[in-house]
Protein backbone atom coordinates (compact mmCIF):
# COMPACT_ATOMS: atom_id res chain seq x y z
CA MET A 1 -40.48 -3.20 15.72
CA ARG A 2 -43.01 -1.78 13.20
CA TRP A 3 -45.19 -4.86 13.57
CA THR A 4 -45.00 -4.58 17.43
CA ALA A 5 -46.02 -0.86 17.45
CA THR A 6 -48.84 -1.48 14.95
CA GLY A 7 -49.92 -4.50 17.03
CA MET A 8 -50.19 -2.38 20.19
CA LEU A 9 -52.23 0.15 18.31
CA VAL A 10 -54.64 -2.44 17.01
CA ALA A 11 -54.84 -3.99 20.50
CA MET A 12 -55.75 -0.63 22.05
CA ALA A 13 -58.42 -0.13 19.44
CA VAL A 14 -59.87 -3.59 20.15
CA LEU A 15 -59.84 -3.01 23.84
CA PHE A 16 -61.45 0.48 23.41
CA PHE A 17 -64.46 -0.94 21.52
CA SER A 18 -64.72 -3.97 23.68
CA THR A 19 -64.91 -2.04 26.98
CA HIS A 20 -67.00 0.93 25.70
CA ALA A 21 -70.38 -0.64 26.68
CA LEU A 22 -68.99 -1.99 30.01
CA ALA A 23 -67.60 1.45 30.96
CA GLU A 24 -71.05 3.00 30.75
CA GLY A 25 -72.98 0.54 32.93
CA GLY A 26 -70.50 -1.83 34.53
CA HIS A 27 -68.00 -1.65 37.25
CA PRO A 28 -66.11 1.69 37.50
CA ALA A 29 -62.75 -0.05 36.81
CA TRP A 30 -63.97 -0.57 33.19
CA GLY A 31 -64.07 3.19 32.79
CA TYR A 32 -60.40 3.43 33.61
CA VAL A 33 -59.59 0.54 31.19
CA ASN A 34 -61.73 2.21 28.45
CA ALA A 35 -60.11 5.60 29.07
CA PHE A 36 -56.67 4.04 28.93
CA ALA A 37 -57.40 2.30 25.64
CA GLU A 38 -59.03 5.41 24.06
CA ALA A 39 -56.09 7.71 24.88
CA ALA A 40 -53.49 5.03 23.96
CA MET A 41 -55.22 4.68 20.60
CA VAL A 42 -55.16 8.38 20.02
CA GLY A 43 -51.49 8.71 21.14
CA GLY A 44 -50.51 5.76 18.91
CA LEU A 45 -52.19 7.15 15.92
CA ALA A 46 -50.75 10.58 16.45
CA ASP A 47 -47.17 9.23 16.78
CA TRP A 48 -47.79 6.85 13.76
CA PHE A 49 -48.71 9.97 11.74
CA ALA A 50 -45.67 11.88 12.97
CA VAL A 51 -43.19 8.98 12.22
CA THR A 52 -44.72 8.19 8.87
CA ALA A 53 -44.80 11.87 7.82
CA LEU A 54 -40.97 11.99 8.06
CA PHE A 55 -40.54 9.44 5.28
CA ARG A 56 -43.78 9.27 3.12
CA HIS A 57 -47.24 10.63 2.76
CA PRO A 58 -49.50 8.97 5.38
CA LEU A 59 -51.97 6.60 3.59
CA GLY A 60 -50.60 8.02 0.33
CA LEU A 61 -52.44 11.34 0.81
CA PRO A 62 -50.53 14.49 -0.18
CA ILE A 63 -51.00 16.22 3.18
CA PRO A 64 -48.84 19.34 3.51
CA HIS A 65 -45.61 19.04 5.44
CA THR A 66 -45.46 15.28 5.11
CA ALA A 67 -42.80 13.10 3.37
CA ILE A 68 -40.32 15.60 4.84
CA ILE A 69 -37.06 13.70 4.05
CA PRO A 70 -37.81 12.85 0.51
CA GLU A 71 -39.03 16.35 -0.31
CA ASN A 72 -35.98 17.96 1.30
CA LYS A 73 -33.15 15.49 0.44
CA ASP A 74 -31.16 18.15 -1.45
CA ARG A 75 -31.28 20.52 1.51
CA ILE A 76 -30.38 17.71 3.85
CA ALA A 77 -27.44 16.79 1.63
CA ASP A 78 -26.10 20.42 1.74
CA THR A 79 -26.66 20.62 5.51
CA MET A 80 -24.79 17.32 6.07
CA ALA A 81 -21.89 18.52 3.86
CA GLN A 82 -21.74 21.89 5.65
CA PHE A 83 -21.87 20.19 9.08
CA LEU A 84 -18.89 17.95 8.03
CA ARG A 85 -16.98 20.83 6.64
CA GLU A 86 -17.39 23.12 9.67
CA ASN A 87 -16.92 20.57 12.37
CA PHE A 88 -14.54 17.97 11.05
CA LEU A 89 -12.58 19.08 8.02
CA THR A 90 -11.18 22.44 9.06
CA PRO A 91 -7.36 22.60 9.50
CA ALA A 92 -7.73 23.89 13.16
CA VAL A 93 -9.98 20.86 14.10
CA VAL A 94 -7.74 18.34 12.29
CA ALA A 95 -4.61 19.82 13.87
CA ARG A 96 -6.08 19.82 17.41
CA ARG A 97 -7.28 16.25 17.00
CA MET A 98 -3.95 15.04 15.57
CA SER A 99 -1.86 16.83 18.21
CA GLY A 100 -3.22 14.56 20.93
CA MET A 101 -2.51 11.38 18.87
CA ASN A 102 0.64 9.44 18.91
CA VAL A 103 0.18 7.76 15.46
CA ALA A 104 3.70 6.36 15.27
CA ARG A 105 3.41 4.73 18.76
CA ALA A 106 0.03 3.21 17.91
CA VAL A 107 1.32 1.73 14.68
CA GLY A 108 4.35 0.42 16.48
CA ASP A 109 2.40 -1.24 19.22
CA PHE A 110 0.14 -2.82 16.61
CA LEU A 111 3.05 -4.27 14.64
CA ILE A 112 4.82 -5.74 17.73
CA ALA A 113 1.67 -6.95 19.52
CA SER A 114 1.70 -10.74 19.96
CA PRO A 115 -1.34 -12.59 18.55
CA LYS A 116 -3.86 -13.77 21.09
CA GLU A 117 -3.92 -17.44 21.99
CA GLY A 118 -6.04 -19.23 19.46
CA GLY A 119 -6.45 -16.10 17.34
CA ASP A 120 -4.97 -15.10 14.08
CA ASP A 121 -1.54 -13.51 13.69
CA THR A 122 -2.31 -10.04 12.46
CA ARG A 123 1.09 -9.50 11.02
CA SER A 124 0.79 -12.91 9.08
CA ARG A 125 -2.49 -11.69 7.58
CA ILE A 126 -0.94 -8.30 6.72
CA THR A 127 2.12 -9.81 5.07
CA GLY A 128 0.04 -12.49 3.44
CA GLY A 129 -2.24 -9.85 1.92
CA ALA A 130 0.62 -7.65 0.86
CA ALA A 131 2.46 -10.67 -0.69
CA GLU A 132 -0.69 -11.70 -2.54
CA MET A 133 -1.25 -8.19 -3.76
CA LEU A 134 2.27 -8.04 -5.03
CA ALA A 135 1.83 -11.35 -6.87
CA GLU A 136 -1.41 -10.13 -8.51
CA VAL A 137 0.14 -6.85 -9.51
CA LEU A 138 3.16 -8.61 -11.08
CA GLU A 139 0.79 -11.01 -12.97
CA SER A 140 -1.72 -8.34 -14.07
CA LEU A 141 0.90 -6.08 -15.62
CA ASP A 142 2.19 -6.72 -19.08
CA PRO A 143 5.64 -8.40 -18.45
CA ASP A 144 7.19 -7.17 -21.71
CA ARG A 145 5.94 -3.64 -21.33
CA LEU A 146 7.00 -3.51 -17.68
CA GLY A 147 10.37 -4.99 -18.38
CA ASN A 148 10.91 -2.43 -21.22
CA GLN A 149 9.94 0.34 -18.95
CA MET A 150 12.29 -0.72 -16.24
CA ARG A 151 15.09 -1.19 -18.89
CA ALA A 152 14.35 2.27 -20.19
CA GLY A 153 14.52 3.69 -16.75
CA LEU A 154 17.80 2.01 -15.92
CA ALA A 155 19.19 3.05 -19.25
CA GLY A 156 18.16 6.72 -18.67
CA GLN A 157 19.90 6.63 -15.29
CA LEU A 158 22.99 5.01 -16.80
CA GLN A 159 22.98 7.65 -19.53
CA LYS A 160 23.09 10.41 -16.83
CA LEU A 161 25.77 8.57 -14.81
CA ASP A 162 29.42 9.52 -15.69
CA VAL A 163 30.95 6.09 -15.40
CA SER A 164 34.60 6.99 -16.19
CA PRO A 165 35.39 9.07 -13.10
CA LEU A 166 33.55 6.69 -10.90
CA ALA A 167 35.50 3.72 -12.23
CA GLY A 168 38.76 5.72 -11.95
CA ARG A 169 38.11 6.59 -8.27
CA MET A 170 37.15 3.02 -7.49
CA LEU A 171 40.40 1.69 -9.06
CA GLU A 172 42.48 4.38 -7.30
CA SER A 173 40.89 3.47 -3.90
CA ALA A 174 41.44 -0.17 -4.54
CA MET A 175 45.09 0.37 -5.31
CA ALA A 176 45.57 2.63 -2.24
CA ASP A 177 44.20 -0.19 -0.01
CA ARG A 178 46.30 -2.76 -1.91
CA GLN A 179 43.13 -4.53 -2.89
CA HIS A 180 44.21 -4.78 -6.58
CA ARG A 181 46.56 -7.63 -6.01
CA PRO A 182 43.89 -10.36 -6.32
CA LEU A 183 42.99 -8.77 -9.59
CA ILE A 184 46.47 -9.01 -10.91
CA ASP A 185 46.67 -12.61 -9.77
CA GLY A 186 43.44 -13.37 -11.55
CA ILE A 187 44.68 -11.70 -14.74
CA VAL A 188 47.91 -13.75 -14.60
CA ARG A 189 46.04 -17.06 -14.04
CA TRP A 190 43.58 -16.21 -16.84
CA THR A 191 46.55 -15.46 -19.17
CA GLY A 192 48.16 -18.79 -18.37
CA LEU A 193 44.93 -20.71 -18.97
CA THR A 194 44.30 -18.94 -22.24
CA LEU A 195 47.87 -19.60 -23.35
CA GLU A 196 47.40 -23.23 -22.44
CA ASP A 197 44.21 -23.57 -24.41
CA ASN A 198 45.75 -21.87 -27.49
CA GLU A 199 49.30 -23.55 -27.64
CA GLU A 200 48.65 -24.97 -31.14
CA MET A 201 47.67 -21.51 -32.41
CA VAL A 202 50.86 -20.07 -30.97
CA LYS A 203 53.05 -22.77 -32.51
CA ASP A 204 51.22 -22.37 -35.90
CA ILE A 205 51.99 -18.63 -35.80
CA ILE A 206 55.71 -19.18 -35.06
CA HIS A 207 55.81 -21.83 -37.76
CA LYS A 208 54.37 -19.54 -40.47
CA ARG A 209 56.65 -16.61 -39.45
CA ALA A 210 59.79 -18.74 -39.42
CA ASN A 211 61.93 -18.92 -42.64
CA SER A 212 62.23 -22.05 -44.62
CA VAL A 213 65.57 -22.99 -43.22
CA LEU A 214 64.17 -23.10 -39.69
CA ARG A 215 61.14 -25.07 -40.84
CA TRP A 216 63.33 -27.55 -42.80
CA THR A 217 65.67 -28.07 -39.82
CA GLY A 218 62.69 -28.33 -37.35
CA LEU A 219 64.02 -25.43 -35.19
CA ASP A 220 60.66 -23.68 -35.45
CA GLU A 221 59.14 -26.29 -33.18
CA ARG A 222 61.96 -25.98 -30.65
CA ILE A 223 61.62 -22.14 -30.78
CA SER A 224 57.88 -22.34 -30.18
CA ALA A 225 58.24 -24.72 -27.37
CA SER A 226 60.91 -22.50 -25.78
CA VAL A 227 58.69 -19.46 -26.17
CA LEU A 228 55.79 -21.20 -24.50
CA ASP A 229 58.01 -22.48 -21.67
CA GLY A 230 59.49 -19.00 -21.21
CA LEU A 231 56.00 -17.53 -21.00
CA TYR A 232 54.73 -20.10 -18.52
CA LYS A 233 57.85 -19.54 -16.30
CA LEU A 234 57.35 -15.79 -16.49
CA LEU A 235 53.71 -16.02 -15.46
CA ALA A 236 54.60 -18.40 -12.62
CA GLU A 237 57.27 -16.10 -11.32
CA VAL A 238 54.85 -13.11 -11.42
CA LEU A 239 52.24 -15.29 -9.62
CA VAL A 240 54.49 -16.27 -6.73
CA ASP A 241 56.66 -13.19 -6.39
CA PRO A 242 54.71 -10.24 -4.98
CA ASP A 243 57.73 -7.97 -5.87
CA HIS A 244 58.22 -9.05 -9.43
CA PRO A 245 59.09 -6.15 -11.79
CA LEU A 246 56.24 -7.06 -14.18
CA ARG A 247 53.81 -6.53 -11.33
CA PHE A 248 55.18 -3.12 -10.82
CA LYS A 249 54.72 -2.42 -14.65
CA ILE A 250 51.03 -3.69 -14.30
CA GLU A 251 50.49 -1.42 -11.28
CA GLU A 252 51.97 1.57 -13.05
CA GLY A 253 49.57 0.86 -15.98
CA LEU A 254 46.63 0.63 -13.58
CA GLU A 255 47.62 3.87 -11.85
CA LYS A 256 47.81 5.61 -15.26
CA LEU A 257 44.47 4.10 -16.26
CA ALA A 258 42.89 5.41 -12.99
CA GLN A 259 44.23 8.84 -13.60
CA ASP A 260 43.12 8.90 -17.34
CA LEU A 261 39.67 7.59 -16.41
CA GLN A 262 39.29 10.69 -14.08
CA HIS A 263 41.10 13.48 -15.91
CA ASP A 264 41.83 12.48 -19.60
CA PRO A 265 39.04 13.69 -21.95
CA GLU A 266 39.83 11.11 -24.68
CA THR A 267 39.72 8.18 -22.22
CA ARG A 268 36.55 9.43 -20.68
CA GLU A 269 34.91 9.80 -24.12
CA ARG A 270 35.97 6.29 -25.14
CA VAL A 271 34.45 4.87 -22.00
CA GLU A 272 31.26 6.89 -22.46
CA GLU A 273 31.04 5.58 -26.04
CA MET A 274 31.52 2.04 -24.90
CA LYS A 275 28.76 2.66 -22.33
CA ARG A 276 26.37 3.96 -24.99
CA ASP A 277 27.07 1.13 -27.32
CA LEU A 278 26.49 -1.40 -24.48
CA ILE A 279 23.13 0.28 -23.56
CA GLU A 280 21.93 0.36 -27.18
CA ASN A 281 23.08 -3.23 -27.91
CA PRO A 282 20.05 -5.46 -28.71
CA ALA A 283 21.71 -8.45 -27.18
CA VAL A 284 21.92 -6.60 -23.83
CA ALA A 285 18.18 -5.67 -24.10
CA GLU A 286 17.37 -9.36 -24.76
CA TRP A 287 19.55 -10.44 -21.84
CA TRP A 288 17.82 -7.90 -19.54
CA MET A 289 14.33 -9.09 -20.47
CA GLY A 290 15.36 -12.72 -19.67
CA VAL A 291 16.70 -11.52 -16.32
CA TRP A 292 13.54 -9.49 -15.59
CA GLU A 293 11.28 -12.53 -16.40
CA ARG A 294 13.09 -14.74 -14.07
CA ILE A 295 12.98 -12.09 -11.29
CA ARG A 296 9.21 -11.66 -11.85
CA GLN A 297 8.49 -15.28 -11.77
CA SER A 298 10.57 -15.82 -8.72
CA LEU A 299 8.88 -12.98 -6.93
CA ILE A 300 5.42 -14.34 -7.78
CA ARG A 301 6.36 -17.93 -6.71
CA ARG A 302 7.93 -16.68 -3.41
CA ALA A 303 4.91 -14.38 -2.70
CA ARG A 304 2.50 -17.30 -3.17
CA GLU A 305 4.40 -19.71 -0.90
CA ALA A 306 3.27 -19.48 2.64
CA ASP A 307 6.63 -20.47 4.21
CA SER A 308 8.86 -18.62 1.66
CA GLY A 309 11.63 -16.44 2.73
CA LEU A 310 9.72 -13.39 1.36
CA GLY A 311 6.96 -13.75 3.99
CA ILE A 312 9.47 -14.29 6.83
CA GLU A 313 11.50 -11.29 5.70
CA MET A 314 8.31 -9.11 5.56
CA ARG A 315 7.22 -10.20 9.02
CA ASN A 316 10.72 -9.61 10.52
CA GLY A 317 10.80 -6.25 8.80
CA LEU A 318 7.41 -5.30 10.17
CA ALA A 319 8.50 -6.43 13.70
CA ASP A 320 11.68 -4.37 13.50
CA LEU A 321 9.72 -1.38 12.23
CA GLY A 322 7.21 -1.73 15.07
CA LYS A 323 9.98 -1.81 17.72
CA ALA A 324 11.60 1.25 16.28
CA LEU A 325 8.28 3.13 16.21
CA ALA A 326 7.45 2.11 19.76
CA SER A 327 10.70 2.96 21.36
CA ASP A 328 12.29 5.72 19.43
CA GLU A 329 10.76 9.00 20.59
CA ARG A 330 12.58 11.12 18.07
CA LEU A 331 11.28 8.96 15.22
CA GLN A 332 7.80 9.15 16.77
CA LEU A 333 8.05 12.97 16.80
CA GLN A 334 9.02 13.13 13.14
CA ILE A 335 6.35 10.72 11.92
CA ASN A 336 3.62 12.29 14.08
CA ARG A 337 4.52 15.73 12.72
CA PHE A 338 4.45 14.36 9.22
CA ALA A 339 1.10 12.72 9.79
CA ARG A 340 -0.37 15.84 11.25
CA ARG A 341 0.91 18.03 8.49
CA THR A 342 -0.39 15.55 5.85
CA ALA A 343 -3.88 15.38 7.48
CA VAL A 344 -4.02 19.27 7.80
CA GLY A 345 -2.83 19.49 4.18
CA VAL A 346 -5.55 17.13 2.99
CA ALA A 347 -8.17 18.98 4.95
CA THR A 348 -7.00 22.23 3.55
CA ARG A 349 -6.59 21.27 -0.06
CA TYR A 350 -9.33 18.65 -0.45
CA GLY A 351 -11.82 19.54 2.38
CA SER A 352 -14.19 21.23 -0.09
CA GLU A 353 -13.90 18.40 -2.59
CA ILE A 354 -14.75 15.85 0.14
CA VAL A 355 -17.83 17.56 1.35
CA THR A 356 -18.92 18.25 -2.26
CA LEU A 357 -18.61 14.48 -2.92
CA VAL A 358 -20.84 13.85 0.13
CA SER A 359 -23.38 16.36 -1.03
CA GLU A 360 -23.52 15.31 -4.58
CA THR A 361 -23.69 11.64 -3.61
CA VAL A 362 -26.76 12.16 -1.40
CA LYS A 363 -28.35 14.38 -4.03
CA ARG A 364 -27.90 11.65 -6.64
CA TRP A 365 -29.85 9.14 -4.43
CA ASP A 366 -33.46 8.85 -5.36
CA ALA A 367 -36.17 9.55 -2.77
CA THR A 368 -36.81 5.87 -2.11
CA THR A 369 -33.13 5.11 -1.63
CA ILE A 370 -32.45 7.92 0.89
CA THR A 371 -35.76 7.22 2.71
CA GLY A 372 -34.90 3.47 3.09
CA ARG A 373 -31.33 4.16 4.30
CA ILE A 374 -32.33 6.71 6.94
CA GLU A 375 -35.30 4.74 8.11
CA ASN A 376 -33.22 1.55 8.38
CA ALA A 377 -30.57 3.40 10.38
CA VAL A 378 -32.98 4.86 12.96
CA GLY A 379 -36.06 2.68 12.45
CA ARG A 380 -36.09 0.89 15.75
CA ASP A 381 -35.99 4.14 17.71
CA LEU A 382 -38.78 5.58 15.55
CA GLN A 383 -41.03 2.59 16.24
CA PHE A 384 -40.21 2.96 20.07
CA ILE A 385 -41.59 6.45 19.72
CA ARG A 386 -44.90 4.90 18.53
CA ILE A 387 -44.85 2.37 21.35
CA ASN A 388 -44.02 5.01 23.97
CA GLY A 389 -46.59 7.38 22.52
CA THR A 390 -49.21 4.55 22.87
CA LEU A 391 -48.27 3.82 26.51
CA VAL A 392 -47.94 7.45 27.59
CA GLY A 393 -51.23 8.35 25.95
CA GLY A 394 -52.95 5.56 27.72
CA LEU A 395 -51.55 6.70 31.17
CA VAL A 396 -52.55 10.32 30.40
CA GLY A 397 -56.09 9.22 29.45
CA MET A 398 -56.44 7.14 32.57
CA THR A 399 -55.22 10.08 34.70
CA LEU A 400 -57.68 12.46 33.10
CA HIS A 401 -60.57 9.95 33.70
CA PHE A 402 -59.52 9.75 37.31
CA ILE A 403 -59.58 13.52 37.59
CA VAL A 404 -62.95 13.87 35.79
CA SER A 405 -64.51 11.21 38.00
CA PHE A 406 -63.86 13.27 41.14
CA VAL A 407 -64.89 16.66 39.78
C-alpha cells in the first residue's frame, strides 16, 4: 500500500509537468487535467507528510511536532494503561459483563458438542494435550524426590490419623453386620494349612518334651499323631459348624479387641507405636518407592497410548461434566457466581498490577519497535489516507479550475 500511494503521487507529478505546457496553449480540457494533477500532487504530499510525521521525521529533518509516536511513547503507554484500567478492569465493569454471561453453560455446550464431519474432535485434542502434559510433567520431575515427597505427605497424614479407634469401629460394625464370619473361616483355614506345613516341627517339639520312657516305647510318636489329628478335627468342626463354641470364644475376643481399640489407652498406645514403627521402617519406604515407580511408569505409558483407557476415561469424564454443566441450573448458578467473584477479585486485587505491566512493557520498547508495531497494525489505513488525499486533492483542484475559468 505504501508503494501504491507513492506511485500515485509520482504519477500525478509526471502528469502535472507533462500537461503544463499543453494547459497554457492547448485545448481547455488540458487545463482541467493539469489542475487535477497539480492539486492531487499537493494533496498527496501533504498527506504523506502527515502520515510520516506520526512515526518519524520526514526526510530525516528534525521538524518540530514530527515523529510523534516515538517521542511520546511513554505518555502513550501511560494513557493506554489508564484507559485499560478505567474501562475494562474496574470491578463494576467486570461484574456487569460477567453477570450477562453463562460461563458454565458455555463450557458445558463446548464439552458435549459433537465434532463436525471431517473435522477434529475437540475433546480428543483436549484430552490428548492433557495426557501428554501429564506424561511430560511426570517425566520432568525427579522420580525419587517426588516419591519421597509423596511418601512424606502420606506419612504425615498417617501420623495425624488415630488408627486405633477407626479400626475398632470398623471391627465393631463388621461384627454387628455378621461380616466377620468369613474372617474367622479364613483364620481357621490358615491355621490348618500352617499346621500341615509344620507337622514335623510339632512332632519334634513333642518328642523333645516327652520323657525317656515314652521315647523308648515309641508312644511319643503316637501322642504327636493324636495331637495333630485332634487339632485337625477341631479345626474342621469349627469350619463346618457356625455355632461351634470355639467360634463364640473367637467372637468374644474380637468384641473385646474392638472395645479395647476404642477405649483402652494401653491398647491404643500399642497400636500407635506399631503404626509409627511401620511408617519409619526403611523396608516400607523402599517398598513404597517401588510401588510409586510402577505407578509413574504406568501413567506415562497410558498417557502416551492413543487408545489407552486413560484417554477414554478422560473423554467420558469431560462428556459427563459437559452434560452436567449444560443441564443443571443450580450447578450453573454456583459456577457462574464463582467465576464472577473470581473475575471481580482478580480485577480488584491485580488490576493495578496488570495495567502497570502493560505500561512498563510499552515503555521498555525502543522507538523503532513501537513505531514498527503500530505502523504494521494500522499501516494499510494510513496509506489509504495518502491515496484518498491524492484523489480528493485532485478533484478539489479541478473544481477550483472550473470556478476560476468562469469568473
